[in-house]
Amino acid sequence: MKTVKAKILKGVGKQRLGRGFSRDELRKAGTSLTEAVKLGVPVDSRRKTAHDENVEVARAFLVAKKASLKASQKTKKKPKS
């Protein structure tokens, strides 16, 4: 699966790739910090800002990741009686 990186806005409107998503961005995307780490989402604990673009990217990535995990999980077979 592809990795995802957060974008950081610099002074004059320039963007660069960051180390990961801030805690606020993950909260707004609808996941906890521990769940995000378990799913392999990069987290940058030093960042304090929350950009709307990153929230949308994180939300889309988490939905896709959860869907792929559900599809790959094996269903338990019921014992025959």
PDB file of N, CA and C in Angstrom:
ATOM      1  N   MET A   1       0.847  -1.172   0.000  1.00  0.00           N
ATOM      2  CA  MET A   1       0.000   0.000   0.000  1.00  0.00           C
ATOM      3  C   MET A   1       0.890   1.232   0.000  1.00  0.00           C
ATOM      4  N   LYS A   2       0.435   2.268  -0.608  1.00  0.00           N
ATOM      5  CA  LYS A   2       1.234   3.475  -0.686  1.00  0.00           C
ATOM      6  C   LYS A   2       1.271   4.183   0.660  1.00  0.00           C
ATOM      7  N   THR A   3       2.320   4.921   0.885  1.00  0.00           N
ATOM      8  CA  THR A   3       2.414   5.703   2.106  1.00  0.00           C
ATOM      9  C   THR A   3       1.873   7.090   1.843  1.00  0.00           C
ATOM     10  N   VAL A   4       1.507   7.761   2.886  1.00  0.00           N
ATOM     11  CA  VAL A   4       0.924   9.080   2.761  1.00  0.00           C
ATOM     12  C   VAL A   4       1.700  10.024   3.668  1.00  0.00           C
ATOM     13  N   LYS A   5       1.931  11.226   3.199  1.00  0.00           N
ATOM     14  CA  LYS A   5       2.651  12.240   3.972  1.00  0.00           C
ATOM     15  C   LYS A   5       1.806  13.498   4.054  1.00  0.00           C
ATOM     16  N   ALA A   6       1.951  14.190   5.150  1.00  0.00           N
ATOM     17  CA  ALA A   6       1.231  15.448   5.331  1.00  0.00           C
ATOM     18  C   ALA A   6       1.983  16.571   4.641  1.00  0.00           C
ATOM     19  N   LYS A   7       1.251  17.593   4.197  1.00  0.00           N
ATOM     20  CA  LYS A   7       1.874  18.756   3.576  1.00  0.00           C
ATOM     21  C   LYS A   7       1.997  19.866   4.608  1.00  0.00           C
ATOM     22  N   ILE A   8       3.099  20.575   4.562  1.00  0.00           N
ATOM     23  CA  ILE A   8       3.361  21.686   5.470  1.00  0.00           C
ATOM     24  C   ILE A   8       3.362  22.959   4.641  1.00  0.00           C
ATOM     25  N   LEU A   9       2.643  23.966   5.113  1.00  0.00           N
ATOM     26  CA  LEU A   9       2.618  25.255   4.432  1.00  0.00           C
ATOM     27  C   LEU A   9       3.738  26.128   4.981  1.00  0.00           C
ATOM     28  N   LYS A  10       4.557  26.656   4.090  1.00  0.00           N
ATOM     29  CA  LYS A  10       5.632  27.547   4.485  1.00  0.00           C
ATOM     30  C   LYS A  10       5.179  28.993   4.325  1.00  0.00           C
ATOM     31  N   GLY A  11       6.037  29.921   4.643  1.00  0.00           N
ATOM     32  CA  GLY A  11       5.704  31.333   4.714  1.00  0.00           C
ATOM     33  C   GLY A  11       5.013  31.949   3.521  1.00  0.00           C
ATOM     34  N   VAL A  12       5.506  31.783   2.305  1.00  0.00           N
ATOM     35  CA  VAL A  12       5.012  32.520   1.142  1.00  0.00           C
ATOM     36  C   VAL A  12       4.061  31.654   0.312  1.00  0.00           C
ATOM     37  N   GLY A  13       3.367  30.724   0.951  1.00  0.00           N
ATOM     38  CA  GLY A  13       2.424  29.881   0.232  1.00  0.00           C
ATOM     39  C   GLY A  13       3.046  28.649  -0.384  1.00  0.00           C
ATOM     40  N   LYS A  14       4.317  28.408  -0.121  1.00  0.00           N
ATOM     41  CA  LYS A  14       4.974  27.215  -0.638  1.00  0.00           C
ATOM     42  C   LYS A  14       4.607  26.022   0.240  1.00  0.00           C
ATOM     43  N   GLN A  15       4.669  24.844  -0.349  1.00  0.00           N
ATOM     44  CA  GLN A  15       4.371  23.630   0.389  1.00  0.00           C
ATOM     45  C   GLN A  15       5.557  22.693   0.330  1.00  0.00           C
ATOM     46  N   ARG A  16       5.670  21.862   1.362  1.00  0.00           N
ATOM     47  CA  ARG A  16       6.665  20.797   1.369  1.00  0.00           C
ATOM     48  C   ARG A  16       6.051  19.606   2.082  1.00  0.00           C
ATOM     49  N   LEU A  17       6.652  18.448   1.905  1.00  0.00           N
ATOM     50  CA  LEU A  17       6.156  17.262   2.580  1.00  0.00           C
ATOM     51  C   LEU A  17       6.659  17.258   4.017  1.00  0.00           C
ATOM     52  N   GLY A  18       5.778  16.910   4.934  1.00  0.00           N
ATOM     53  CA  GLY A  18       6.135  16.851   6.337  1.00  0.00           C
ATOM     54  C   GLY A  18       6.477  15.439   6.767  1.00  0.00           C
ATOM     55  N   ARG A  19       6.782  15.292   8.038  1.00  0.00           N
ATOM     56  CA  ARG A  19       7.108  13.973   8.579  1.00  0.00           C
ATOM     57  C   ARG A  19       5.860  13.142   8.849  1.00  0.00           C
ATOM     58  N   GLY A  20       4.771  13.817   9.144  1.00  0.00           N
ATOM     59  CA  GLY A  20       3.544  13.098   9.440  1.00  0.00           C
ATOM     60  C   GLY A  20       2.426  14.055   9.797  1.00  0.00           C
ATOM     61  N   PHE A  21       1.315  13.499  10.221  1.00  0.00           N
ATOM     62  CA  PHE A  21       0.138  14.290  10.559  1.00  0.00           C
ATOM     63  C   PHE A  21       0.196  14.701  12.017  1.00  0.00           C
ATOM     64  N   SER A  22      -0.379  15.867  12.316  1.00  0.00           N
ATOM     65  CA  SER A  22      -0.426  16.321  13.702  1.00  0.00           C
ATOM     66  C   SER A  22      -1.551  15.588  14.430  1.00  0.00           C
ATOM     67  N   ARG A  23      -1.535  15.671  15.745  1.00  0.00           N
ATOM     68  CA  ARG A  23      -2.565  15.006  16.540  1.00  0.00           C
ATOM     69  C   ARG A  23      -3.938  15.607  16.274  1.00  0.00           C
ATOM     70  N   ASP A  24      -3.983  16.924  16.104  1.00  0.00           N
ATOM     71  CA  ASP A  24      -5.268  17.581  15.826  1.00  0.00           C
ATOM     72  C   ASP A  24      -5.836  17.136  14.483  1.00  0.00           C
ATOM     73  N   GLU A  25      -4.986  16.971  13.483  1.00  0.00           N
ATOM     74  CA  GLU A  25      -5.452  16.515  12.171  1.00  0.00           C
ATOM     75  C   GLU A  25      -6.039  15.112  12.265  1.00  0.00           C
ATOM     76  N   LEU A  26      -5.399  14.242  13.028  1.00  0.00           N
ATOM     77  CA  LEU A  26      -5.909  12.886  13.183  1.00  0.00           C
ATOM     78  C   LEU A  26      -7.222  12.886  13.958  1.00  0.00           C
ATOM     79  N   ARG A  27      -7.331  13.747  14.972  1.00  0.00           N
ATOM     80  CA  ARG A  27      -8.572  13.855  15.734  1.00  0.00           C
ATOM     81  C   ARG A  27      -9.717  14.324  14.849  1.00  0.00           C
ATOM     82  N   LYS A  28      -9.437  15.324  14.008  1.00  0.00           N
ATOM     83  CA  LYS A  28     -10.470  15.839  13.102  1.00  0.00           C
ATOM     84  C   LYS A  28     -10.823  14.821  12.023  1.00  0.00           C
ATOM     85  N   ALA A  29      -9.888  13.944  11.685  1.00  0.00           N
ATOM     86  CA  ALA A  29     -10.148  12.909  10.685  1.00  0.00           C
ATOM     87  C   ALA A  29     -10.968  11.764  11.265  1.00  0.00           C
ATOM     88  N   GLY A  30     -11.121  11.739  12.588  1.00  0.00           N
ATOM     89  CA  GLY A  30     -11.983  10.736  13.205  1.00  0.00           C
ATOM     90  C   GLY A  30     -11.271   9.509  13.708  1.00  0.00           C
ATOM     91  N   THR A  31     -10.026   9.633  14.120  1.00  0.00           N
ATOM     92  CA  THR A  31      -9.305   8.493  14.651  1.00  0.00           C
ATOM     93  C   THR A  31      -8.469   8.926  15.845  1.00  0.00           C
ATOM     94  N   SER A  32      -8.096   7.973  16.644  1.00  0.00           N
ATOM     95  CA  SER A  32      -7.246   8.274  17.789  1.00  0.00           C
ATOM     96  C   SER A  32      -5.783   8.116  17.384  1.00  0.00           C
ATOM     97  N   LEU A  33      -4.911   8.596  18.228  1.00  0.00           N
ATOM     98  CA  LEU A  33      -3.485   8.526  17.940  1.00  0.00           C
ATOM     99  C   LEU A  33      -3.006   7.079  17.902  1.00  0.00           C
ATOM    100  N   THR A  34      -3.450   6.272  18.850  1.00  0.00           N
ATOM    101  CA  THR A  34      -3.000   4.878  18.899  1.00  0.00           C
ATOM    102  C   THR A  34      -3.517   4.078  17.705  1.00  0.00           C
ATOM    103  N   GLU A  35      -4.743   4.339  17.296  1.00  0.00           N
ATOM    104  CA  GLU A  35      -5.294   3.635  16.138  1.00  0.00           C
ATOM    105  C   GLU A  35      -4.541   4.012  14.863  1.00  0.00           C
ATOM    106  N   ALA A  36      -4.184   5.282  14.749  1.00  0.00           N
ATOM    107  CA  ALA A  36      -3.445   5.735  13.575  1.00  0.00           C
ATOM    108  C   ALA A  36      -2.074   5.088  13.504  1.00  0.00           C
ATOM    109  N   VAL A  37      -1.416   4.966  14.642  1.00  0.00           N
ATOM    110  CA  VAL A  37      -0.092   4.334  14.667  1.00  0.00           C
ATOM    111  C   VAL A  37      -0.211   2.859  14.290  1.00  0.00           C
ATOM    112  N   LYS A  38      -1.250   2.182  14.782  1.00  0.00           N
ATOM    113  CA  LYS A  38      -1.462   0.769  14.456  1.00  0.00           C
ATOM    114  C   LYS A  38      -1.722   0.564  12.965  1.00  0.00           C
ATOM    115  N   LEU A  39      -2.387   1.545  12.340  1.00  0.00           N
ATOM    116  CA  LEU A  39      -2.693   1.443  10.911  1.00  0.00           C
ATOM    117  C   LEU A  39      -1.529   1.879  10.027  1.00  0.00           C
ATOM    118  N   GLY A  40      -0.474   2.412  10.621  1.00  0.00           N
ATOM    119  CA  GLY A  40       0.697   2.781   9.842  1.00  0.00           C
ATOM    120  C   GLY A  40       0.686   4.199   9.311  1.00  0.00           C
ATOM    121  N   VAL A  41      -0.122   5.064   9.907  1.00  0.00           N
ATOM    122  CA  VAL A  41      -0.168   6.462   9.491  1.00  0.00           C
ATOM    123  C   VAL A  41       0.963   7.206  10.191  1.00  0.00           C
ATOM    124  N   PRO A  42       1.789   7.952   9.457  1.00  0.00           N
ATOM    125  CA  PRO A  42       2.880   8.682  10.108  1.00  0.00           C
ATOM    126  C   PRO A  42       2.346   9.824  10.971  1.00  0.00           C
ATOM    127  N   VAL A  43       2.897   9.948  12.177  1.00  0.00           N
ATOM    128  CA  VAL A  43       2.462  10.969  13.128  1.00  0.00           C
ATOM    129  C   VAL A  43       3.671  11.808  13.512  1.00  0.00           C
ATOM    130  N   ASP A  44       3.522  13.120  13.444  1.00  0.00           N
ATOM    131  CA  ASP A  44       4.567  14.052  13.852  1.00  0.00           C
ATOM    132  C   ASP A  44       4.097  14.722  15.140  1.00  0.00           C
ATOM    133  N   SER A  45       4.642  14.306  16.256  1.00  0.00           N
ATOM    134  CA  SER A  45       4.174  14.799  17.550  1.00  0.00           C
ATOM    135  C   SER A  45       4.598  16.238  17.818  1.00  0.00           C
ATOM    136  N   ARG A  46       5.536  16.772  17.034  1.00  0.00           N
ATOM    137  CA  ARG A  46       6.004  18.142  17.252  1.00  0.00           C
ATOM    138  C   ARG A  46       5.081  19.176  16.642  1.00  0.00           C
ATOM    139  N   ARG A  47       4.300  18.772  15.636  1.00  0.00           N
ATOM    140  CA  ARG A  47       3.432  19.735  14.947  1.00  0.00           C
ATOM    141  C   ARG A  47       2.218  20.082  15.778  1.00  0.00           C
ATOM    142  N   LYS A  48       1.813  21.339  15.734  1.00  0.00           N
ATOM    143  CA  LYS A  48       0.650  21.805  16.482  1.00  0.00           C
ATOM    144  C   LYS A  48      -0.478  22.253  15.571  1.00  0.00           C
ATOM    145  N   THR A  49      -0.211  22.468  14.287  1.00  0.00           N
ATOM    146  CA  THR A  49      -1.208  23.006  13.376  1.00  0.00           C
ATOM    147  C   THR A  49      -2.078  21.897  12.794  1.00  0.00           C
ATOM    148  N   ALA A  50      -3.244  22.284  12.323  1.00  0.00           N
ATOM    149  CA  ALA A  50      -4.146  21.347  11.662  1.00  0.00           C
ATOM    150  C   ALA A  50      -4.650  22.000  10.381  1.00  0.00           C
ATOM    151  N   HIS A  51      -4.203  21.493   9.235  1.00  0.00           N
ATOM    152  CA  HIS A  51      -4.620  22.020   7.943  1.00  0.00           C
ATOM    153  C   HIS A  51      -5.750  21.161   7.386  1.00  0.00           C
ATOM    154  N   ASP A  52      -6.737  21.814   6.797  1.00  0.00           N
ATOM    155  CA  ASP A  52      -7.905  21.097   6.279  1.00  0.00           C
ATOM    156  C   ASP A  52      -7.541  20.115   5.176  1.00  0.00           C
ATOM    157  N   GLU A  53      -6.571  20.463   4.345  1.00  0.00           N
ATOM    158  CA  GLU A  53      -6.136  19.558   3.271  1.00  0.00           C
ATOM    159  C   GLU A  53      -5.604  18.253   3.856  1.00  0.00           C
ATOM    160  N   ASN A  54      -4.817  18.367   4.923  1.00  0.00           N
ATOM    161  CA  ASN A  54      -4.245  17.167   5.542  1.00  0.00           C
ATOM    162  C   ASN A  54      -5.312  16.323   6.228  1.00  0.00           C
ATOM    163  N   VAL A  55      -6.333  16.969   6.773  1.00  0.00           N
ATOM    164  CA  VAL A  55      -7.429  16.230   7.403  1.00  0.00           C
ATOM    165  C   VAL A  55      -8.148  15.387   6.359  1.00  0.00           C
ATOM    166  N   GLU A  56      -8.389  15.959   5.186  1.00  0.00           N
ATOM    167  CA  GLU A  56      -9.065  15.216   4.118  1.00  0.00           C
ATOM    168  C   GLU A  56      -8.203  14.053   3.618  1.00  0.00           C
ATOM    169  N   VAL A  57      -6.900  14.288   3.475  1.00  0.00           N
ATOM    170  CA  VAL A  57      -5.993  13.228   3.026  1.00  0.00           C
ATOM    171  C   VAL A  57      -5.951  12.104   4.055  1.00  0.00           C
ATOM    172  N   ALA A  58      -5.863  12.459   5.331  1.00  0.00           N
ATOM    173  CA  ALA A  58      -5.807  11.457   6.389  1.00  0.00           C
ATOM    174  C   ALA A  58      -7.114  10.668   6.448  1.00  0.00           C
ATOM    175  N   ARG A  59      -8.240  11.352   6.313  1.00  0.00           N
ATOM    176  CA  ARG A  59      -9.544  10.681   6.359  1.00  0.00           C
ATOM    177  C   ARG A  59      -9.677   9.690   5.206  1.00  0.00           C
ATOM    178  N   ALA A  60      -9.290  10.099   4.008  1.00  0.00           N
ATOM    179  CA  ALA A  60      -9.381   9.207   2.843  1.00  0.00           C
ATOM    180  C   ALA A  60      -8.448   8.009   2.993  1.00  0.00           C
ATOM    181  N   PHE A  61      -7.238   8.249   3.504  1.00  0.00           N
ATOM    182  CA  PHE A  61      -6.282   7.163   3.691  1.00  0.00           C
ATOM    183  C   PHE A  61      -6.776   6.174   4.735  1.00  0.00           C
ATOM    184  N   LEU A  62      -7.342   6.678   5.828  1.00  0.00           N
ATOM    185  CA  LEU A  62      -7.829   5.801   6.889  1.00  0.00           C
ATOM    186  C   LEU A  62      -9.011   4.961   6.430  1.00  0.00           C
ATOM    187  N   VAL A  63      -9.899   5.550   5.638  1.00  0.00           N
ATOM    188  CA  VAL A  63     -11.048   4.796   5.122  1.00  0.00           C
ATOM    189  C   VAL A  63     -10.565   3.679   4.206  1.00  0.00           C
ATOM    190  N   ALA A  64      -9.621   3.984   3.338  1.00  0.00           N
ATOM    191  CA  ALA A  64      -9.097   2.966   2.422  1.00  0.00           C
ATOM    192  C   ALA A  64      -8.355   1.874   3.185  1.00  0.00           C
ATOM    193  N   LYS A  65      -7.591   2.262   4.184  1.00  0.00           N
ATOM    194  CA  LYS A  65      -6.817   1.296   4.967  1.00  0.00           C
ATOM    195  C   LYS A  65      -7.735   0.369   5.758  1.00  0.00           C
ATOM    196  N   LYS A  66      -8.781   0.941   6.382  1.00  0.00           N
ATOM    197  CA  LYS A  66      -9.725   0.125   7.143  1.00  0.00           C
ATOM    198  C   LYS A  66     -10.481  -0.830   6.233  1.00  0.00           C
ATOM    199  N   ALA A  67     -10.838  -0.371   5.032  1.00  0.00           N
ATOM    200  CA  ALA A  67     -11.550  -1.232   4.090  1.00  0.00           C
ATOM    201  C   ALA A  67     -10.669  -2.388   3.640  1.00  0.00           C
ATOM    202  N   SER A  68      -9.392  -2.112   3.404  1.00  0.00           N
ATOM    203  CA  SER A  68      -8.500  -3.189   2.973  1.00  0.00           C
ATOM    204  C   SER A  68      -8.240  -4.179   4.102  1.00  0.00           C
ATOM    205  N   LEU A  69      -8.215  -3.700   5.349  1.00  0.00           N
ATOM    206  CA  LEU A  69      -8.030  -4.609   6.478  1.00  0.00           C
ATOM    207  C   LEU A  69      -9.247  -5.495   6.681  1.00  0.00           C
ATOM    208  N   LYS A  70     -10.444  -4.935   6.511  1.00  0.00           N
ATOM    209  CA  LYS A  70     -11.656  -5.735   6.646  1.00  0.00           C
ATOM    210  C   LYS A  70     -11.722  -6.802   5.573  1.00  0.00           C
ATOM    211  N   ALA A  71     -11.310  -6.461   4.371  1.00  0.00           N
ATOM    212  CA  ALA A  71     -11.354  -7.421   3.264  1.00  0.00           C
ATOM    213  C   ALA A  71     -10.334  -8.535   3.454  1.00  0.00           C
ATOM    214  N   SER A  72      -9.205  -8.212   4.082  1.00  0.00           N
ATOM    215  CA  SER A  72      -8.156  -9.205   4.223  1.00  0.00           C
ATOM    216  C   SER A  72      -8.335 -10.089   5.451  1.00  0.00           C
ATOM    217  N   GLN A  73      -9.192  -9.676   6.390  1.00  0.00           N
ATOM    218  CA  GLN A  73      -9.410 -10.488   7.577  1.00  0.00           C
ATOM    219  C   GLN A  73     -10.172 -11.769   7.192  1.00  0.00           C
ATOM    220  N   LYS A  74      -9.735 -12.827   7.773  1.00  0.00           N
ATOM    221  CA  LYS A  74     -10.405 -14.094   7.507  1.00  0.00           C
ATOM    222  C   LYS A  74     -11.610 -14.231   8.423  1.00  0.00           C
ATOM    223  N   THR A  75     -12.692 -14.694   7.876  1.00  0.00           N
ATOM    224  CA  THR A  75     -13.880 -14.925   8.695  1.00  0.00           C
ATOM    225  C   THR A  75     -13.753 -16.279   9.356  1.00  0.00           C
ATOM    226  N   LYS A  76     -14.137 -16.324  10.617  1.00  0.00           N
ATOM    227  CA  LYS A  76     -14.067 -17.583  11.337  1.00  0.00           C
ATOM    228  C   LYS A  76     -15.250 -18.453  10.928  1.00  0.00           C
ATOM    229  N   LYS A  77     -14.964 -19.699  10.704  1.00  0.00           N
ATOM    230  CA  LYS A  77     -16.021 -20.626  10.335  1.00  0.00           C
ATOM    231  C   LYS A  77     -16.704 -21.137  11.599  1.00  0.00           C
ATOM    232  N   LYS A  78     -17.994 -21.281  11.493  1.00  0.00           N
ATOM    233  CA  LYS A  78     -18.770 -21.818  12.621  1.00  0.00           C
ATOM    234  C   LYS A  78     -18.523 -23.323  12.702  1.00  0.00           C
ATOM    235  N   PRO A  79     -18.374 -23.807  13.916  1.00  0.00           N
ATOM    236  CA  PRO A  79     -18.181 -25.262  14.040  1.00  0.00           C
ATOM    237  C   PRO A  79     -19.450 -26.008  13.652  1.00  0.00           C
ATOM    238  N   LYS A  80     -19.258 -27.140  13.043  1.00  0.00           N
ATOM    239  CA  LYS A  80     -20.398 -27.938  12.629  1.00  0.00           C
ATOM    240  C   LYS A  80     -20.940 -28.694  13.848  1.00  0.00           C
ATOM    241  N   SER A  81     -22.256 -28.694  13.957  1.00  0.00           N
ATOM    242  CA  SER A  81     -22.857 -29.388  15.095  1.00  0.00           C
ATOM    243  C   SER A  81     -23.445 -30.706  14.681  1.00  0.00           C
TER     244      SER A  81
END
